[in-house]
Every structure is written in C-alpha cells, then in structure tokens.
Amino acid sequence: MGVPSASHIAHAGLPFANPMSQPAVDAAIGALPLPTEPLVVDTGCGGGEILLRTLQLRPGARGLVVDLDPDAIAEARQRTEGLPARFEVRDAATVEGRFDAVINIGSSQAHGGFPAALEALRALGQVVLYGEGFWHRAPSEDFLAALGGATINELSDYDGLRAAISDAGFNVVQESVASQDDWARYEKLAANAECHGTPDTLAYARRIRQRRALPGGTDTLGFALFALRA
C-alpha cells in the first residue's frame, strides 16, 4: 500500500468523504426501493461507510466495492469486516452487469464526470444512490483556483443537476441538500490535515481555508444526495 493521500488523511475520523449528515444518508438508504437480498455496487467508495450502512440497514444485502485507491479499498474492507462484500482495486468503467442498487456519492469522476456518469450508473442498475456537487452561485476564478483548478462546467446549478437526472431517465425518490452547518462540520478536515503536519497536508488545509475566506467561499458550492429509480 502506498503513502495515504492528503485527502485520505484529512478525512480521517469523518463519517463520509462528503458533507451530508448521517441522518440524511440513512434516510436516503432507507428510501431505496430494493428487493430482498439486493446486490449493491459502490463505485468510488471512499472509506466504505455508506456501503457499511447500506449492508446494516438493508438486511440480506450483498456488496461489491470498486475504487482505484488501494487505501480506500483497505479502509472499506476493514469497516465492513464480517459483512457480505467483496473489494476490488479497479476502474469503475470496467464494471459490467446489472445490480439491484448502485452507490456513487461524490465520485462521478469514476464514470467520466457529471453529467455523463448518470448514464453509466443507469447502465449498471435502475436504483441509484447518487451524490453530486452543484453551484449555489456562479463561482469566481479565485474560488475555482482554490478548488485545485476546477472549471465552472464541471458542475451545474441545482436546477441543472435535477434536469440532468431527469434526462438520464431517473425519478427522484428522495433528496436532501447539505446545509451550511453540514459544510462547517465537514470542513474541519482542514484541521485534521494541519494536525498531520506534512507539506502535502498543510497545503491541502491551506487551500480549504483560503477558499472559505473568499467572498462567497462558504455558499458557492453545494452538495445534494438523491435516491433515484429509473
């Protein structure tokens, strides 16, 4: 296993690699229209917490976890020890077959980015737990630079996100949006990174703090979680 990334280190101790609250995630999992003993694939699993909750909240569920990051796979395997799941370090684009549910939260880049990922997810299953960022307002150039060189067309506004979901053939079963309090709790990962104290983690923390200090730094980027059914 290689050296953990700055992002992986910063997220240590956080329940998810996204700003959604734990009640919101549990509600979305509970809203998924699943059969008995569903087969669930998680493409871009992070630490595996959302798959773990799915296996715990949906009795009889079995999981497949796919991620290119061996550290993420190792953490997901540890979290779900004793539960029916298998783990593969591989490109999500190589996953084939049909699943009872697909989880992809904050990992649309594993399927070509937004909005192309929605079509790829639908090809894997008709029920999807999907989390994606969106613009509350048009981001400034400084804000995009503080995100590490993002571009405005990587995301849409909330209406555009909902429209892309509909265009991909999905109906929204349940949805929630991260609040400003959710974001403030989530972005304590800057402090986690600073505590680690390496040049990479300090630079990671500095970018977060610089972004939050910008005009609109705390209310430009949003995040939404959807339970979807085709």
Protein backbone atom coordinates (compact mmCIF):
# COMPACT_ATOMS: atom_id res chain seq x y z
CA MET A 1 0.00 0.00 0.00
CA GLY A 2 1.33 3.45 -0.88
CA VAL A 3 1.51 6.58 1.25
CA PRO A 4 -2.02 7.84 2.05
CA SER A 5 -3.04 10.94 0.10
CA ALA A 6 -3.56 14.29 1.81
CA SER A 7 -7.29 13.94 1.18
CA HIS A 8 -7.38 10.48 2.75
CA ILE A 9 -5.52 11.75 5.81
CA ALA A 10 -7.75 14.83 6.13
CA HIS A 11 -10.92 12.74 6.05
CA ALA A 12 -9.80 10.51 8.92
CA GLY A 13 -12.45 10.49 11.62
CA LEU A 14 -15.17 11.93 9.38
CA PRO A 15 -18.10 9.61 8.63
CA PHE A 16 -18.14 10.36 4.90
CA ALA A 17 -15.96 11.99 2.25
CA ASN A 18 -18.79 14.46 1.61
CA PRO A 19 -20.72 16.99 3.72
CA MET A 20 -24.02 15.10 4.07
CA SER A 21 -25.25 14.48 7.60
CA GLN A 22 -25.57 10.94 8.92
CA PRO A 23 -29.39 11.17 9.25
CA ALA A 24 -29.64 12.33 5.62
CA VAL A 25 -27.54 9.42 4.40
CA ASP A 26 -29.50 6.88 6.43
CA ALA A 27 -32.80 8.33 5.15
CA ALA A 28 -31.62 8.06 1.55
CA ILE A 29 -30.51 4.45 2.02
CA GLY A 30 -33.85 3.63 3.62
CA ALA A 31 -35.70 5.20 0.68
CA LEU A 32 -34.04 2.98 -1.94
CA PRO A 33 -36.64 0.65 -3.49
CA LEU A 34 -34.77 -2.64 -3.15
CA PRO A 35 -35.74 -6.29 -3.31
CA THR A 36 -34.93 -8.84 -0.64
CA GLU A 37 -31.19 -9.65 -0.51
CA PRO A 38 -30.12 -6.97 -3.01
CA LEU A 39 -26.74 -6.92 -4.72
CA VAL A 40 -25.23 -3.43 -4.33
CA VAL A 41 -22.17 -1.98 -6.07
CA ASP A 42 -20.32 1.06 -4.73
CA THR A 43 -18.17 2.78 -7.36
CA GLY A 44 -15.80 5.20 -5.64
CA CYS A 45 -16.31 4.01 -2.08
CA GLY A 46 -14.14 6.38 -0.05
CA GLY A 47 -13.79 4.80 3.39
CA GLY A 48 -16.72 2.47 2.77
CA GLU A 49 -19.01 3.95 5.40
CA ILE A 50 -22.01 4.34 3.09
CA LEU A 51 -21.77 0.76 1.87
CA LEU A 52 -21.42 -0.35 5.50
CA ARG A 53 -24.62 1.50 6.43
CA THR A 54 -26.38 0.01 3.42
CA LEU A 55 -25.44 -3.53 4.42
CA GLN A 56 -26.54 -2.84 8.00
CA LEU A 57 -29.80 -1.06 7.16
CA ARG A 58 -30.88 -3.42 4.38
CA PRO A 59 -30.81 -6.99 5.78
CA GLY A 60 -29.63 -9.59 3.31
CA ALA A 61 -27.78 -7.05 1.13
CA ARG A 62 -24.50 -8.06 -0.50
CA GLY A 63 -21.89 -5.60 -1.72
CA LEU A 64 -19.23 -5.09 -4.36
CA VAL A 65 -16.79 -2.25 -3.70
CA VAL A 66 -14.75 -0.77 -6.56
CA ASP A 67 -12.17 2.02 -6.27
CA LEU A 68 -8.81 2.84 -7.85
CA ASP A 69 -7.40 3.93 -4.47
CA PRO A 70 -5.96 0.94 -2.59
CA ASP A 71 -6.10 2.91 0.67
CA ALA A 72 -9.84 3.44 0.21
CA ILE A 73 -10.36 -0.24 -0.55
CA ALA A 74 -8.32 -1.27 2.50
CA GLU A 75 -10.37 1.02 4.77
CA ALA A 76 -13.67 -0.15 3.26
CA ARG A 77 -12.66 -3.79 3.77
CA GLN A 78 -11.78 -3.09 7.39
CA ARG A 79 -15.05 -1.25 8.07
CA THR A 80 -17.23 -3.99 6.60
CA GLU A 81 -15.33 -6.95 8.05
CA GLY A 82 -17.69 -9.85 8.60
CA LEU A 83 -20.34 -8.49 6.22
CA PRO A 84 -21.04 -9.97 2.76
CA ALA A 85 -18.95 -7.74 0.50
CA ARG A 86 -16.02 -8.12 -1.83
CA PHE A 87 -13.46 -5.46 -2.75
CA GLU A 88 -11.62 -4.72 -5.97
CA VAL A 89 -8.99 -2.13 -6.82
CA ARG A 90 -10.10 -1.39 -10.36
CA ASP A 91 -11.53 1.22 -12.69
CA ALA A 92 -15.27 1.65 -12.22
CA ALA A 93 -15.63 1.92 -16.00
CA THR A 94 -14.73 -1.77 -16.27
CA VAL A 95 -17.63 -2.92 -14.07
CA GLU A 96 -20.25 -4.84 -16.04
CA GLY A 97 -23.55 -6.50 -15.28
CA ARG A 98 -26.70 -5.35 -13.51
CA PHE A 99 -27.10 -4.61 -9.83
CA ASP A 100 -30.09 -4.03 -7.58
CA ALA A 101 -28.57 -0.73 -6.48
CA VAL A 102 -25.59 1.43 -7.41
CA ILE A 103 -23.89 3.81 -4.96
CA ASN A 104 -21.90 6.73 -6.34
CA ILE A 105 -21.50 9.68 -3.99
CA GLY A 106 -19.08 12.45 -4.81
CA SER A 107 -17.37 10.10 -7.26
CA SER A 108 -18.91 10.85 -10.64
CA GLN A 109 -15.36 11.23 -11.99
CA ALA A 110 -15.15 7.42 -11.80
CA HIS A 111 -17.64 7.37 -14.68
CA GLY A 112 -16.47 10.30 -16.78
CA GLY A 113 -17.76 13.11 -14.56
CA PHE A 114 -21.08 14.92 -14.40
CA PRO A 115 -23.42 14.53 -16.27
CA ALA A 116 -22.04 11.56 -18.24
CA ALA A 117 -21.83 9.49 -15.06
CA LEU A 118 -25.62 9.34 -14.77
CA GLU A 119 -25.92 7.31 -17.98
CA ALA A 120 -23.13 4.99 -16.83
CA LEU A 121 -24.83 4.47 -13.48
CA ARG A 122 -28.16 3.70 -15.11
CA ALA A 123 -26.44 1.06 -17.25
CA LEU A 124 -25.45 -0.70 -14.01
CA GLY A 125 -28.81 -0.55 -12.26
CA GLN A 126 -32.21 1.09 -12.11
CA VAL A 127 -31.84 2.13 -8.45
CA VAL A 128 -29.05 4.57 -7.62
CA LEU A 129 -27.86 6.39 -4.51
CA TYR A 130 -26.22 9.44 -6.09
CA GLY A 131 -24.41 12.38 -4.51
CA GLU A 132 -23.15 15.33 -6.54
CA GLY A 133 -21.94 18.87 -6.09
CA PHE A 134 -23.65 21.87 -7.63
CA TRP A 135 -23.23 25.63 -7.78
CA HIS A 136 -25.36 27.69 -5.42
CA ARG A 137 -23.97 30.67 -7.35
CA ALA A 138 -21.52 31.12 -10.23
CA PRO A 139 -18.03 30.52 -8.83
CA SER A 140 -15.34 33.16 -9.12
CA GLU A 141 -12.00 32.42 -10.75
CA ASP A 142 -10.37 32.60 -7.32
CA PHE A 143 -12.87 30.09 -5.96
CA LEU A 144 -12.20 27.66 -8.82
CA ALA A 145 -8.46 28.03 -8.30
CA ALA A 146 -8.88 27.30 -4.59
CA LEU A 147 -10.67 24.08 -5.53
CA GLY A 148 -7.47 22.99 -7.25
CA GLY A 149 -8.12 24.28 -10.74
CA ALA A 150 -11.75 23.24 -11.18
CA THR A 151 -13.79 24.59 -14.09
CA ILE A 152 -17.28 26.02 -13.92
CA ASN A 153 -18.69 23.46 -16.39
CA GLU A 154 -17.73 20.52 -14.16
CA LEU A 155 -20.97 21.12 -12.27
CA SER A 156 -24.30 22.84 -12.84
CA ASP A 157 -26.67 24.74 -10.61
CA TYR A 158 -29.25 22.76 -8.64
CA ASP A 159 -31.92 23.03 -11.33
CA GLY A 160 -29.42 21.79 -13.91
CA LEU A 161 -28.48 18.87 -11.68
CA ARG A 162 -32.14 17.88 -11.32
CA ALA A 163 -32.65 18.26 -15.08
CA ALA A 164 -29.65 16.02 -15.83
CA ILE A 165 -31.05 13.37 -13.50
CA SER A 166 -34.38 13.50 -15.33
CA ASP A 167 -32.70 13.45 -18.75
CA ALA A 168 -30.87 10.26 -17.74
CA GLY A 169 -34.24 8.59 -17.14
CA PHE A 170 -34.38 8.71 -13.36
CA ASN A 171 -37.15 9.72 -10.98
CA VAL A 172 -36.17 11.19 -7.63
CA VAL A 173 -37.45 9.03 -4.77
CA GLN A 174 -35.84 11.07 -2.00
CA GLU A 175 -33.43 14.02 -1.89
CA SER A 176 -31.57 16.21 0.58
CA VAL A 177 -29.09 19.08 0.38
CA ALA A 178 -26.16 19.70 2.72
CA SER A 179 -26.75 22.71 4.99
CA GLN A 180 -24.19 25.36 5.87
CA ASP A 181 -23.83 23.68 9.27
CA ASP A 182 -23.15 20.38 7.49
CA TRP A 183 -20.41 22.06 5.44
CA ALA A 184 -18.85 23.68 8.51
CA ARG A 185 -18.68 20.32 10.29
CA TYR A 186 -17.32 18.60 7.19
CA GLU A 187 -14.60 21.11 6.51
CA LYS A 188 -12.99 20.51 9.87
CA LEU A 189 -10.93 18.19 7.67
CA ALA A 190 -8.68 21.24 7.28
CA ALA A 191 -7.78 20.92 10.96
CA ASN A 192 -7.20 17.18 10.51
CA ALA A 193 -4.78 17.89 7.67
CA GLU A 194 -2.94 20.57 9.66
CA CYS A 195 -2.51 18.22 12.61
CA HIS A 196 -0.75 15.73 10.35
CA GLY A 197 1.76 18.44 9.50
CA THR A 198 3.33 17.25 6.25
CA PRO A 199 3.89 19.68 3.35
CA ASP A 200 1.11 17.98 1.35
CA THR A 201 -1.45 18.00 4.15
CA LEU A 202 -0.62 21.59 5.12
CA ALA A 203 -1.08 22.68 1.51
CA TYR A 204 -4.40 20.80 1.39
CA ALA A 205 -5.61 22.57 4.54
CA ARG A 206 -4.42 25.94 3.29
CA ARG A 207 -6.50 25.60 0.08
CA ILE A 208 -9.63 24.83 2.13
CA ARG A 209 -9.12 27.80 4.45
CA GLN A 210 -8.32 30.14 1.55
CA ARG A 211 -11.46 29.05 -0.28
CA ARG A 212 -13.69 29.54 2.76
CA ALA A 213 -12.22 33.01 3.30
CA LEU A 214 -13.11 34.17 -0.23
CA PRO A 215 -16.27 36.21 -0.93
CA GLY A 216 -18.91 33.52 -1.35
CA GLY A 217 -16.44 30.97 -0.04
CA THR A 218 -18.97 29.23 2.20
CA ASP A 219 -22.07 29.38 0.00
CA THR A 220 -20.94 28.90 -3.61
CA LEU A 221 -20.58 25.11 -3.65
CA GLY A 222 -23.47 22.86 -2.66
CA PHE A 223 -23.91 19.11 -2.38
CA ALA A 224 -27.05 17.04 -2.84
CA LEU A 225 -27.89 13.39 -2.21
CA PHE A 226 -30.56 11.54 -4.20
CA ALA A 227 -32.25 8.18 -4.03
CA LEU A 228 -33.13 7.50 -7.68
CA ARG A 229 -35.18 4.97 -9.60
CA ALA A 230 -35.21 4.62 -13.38
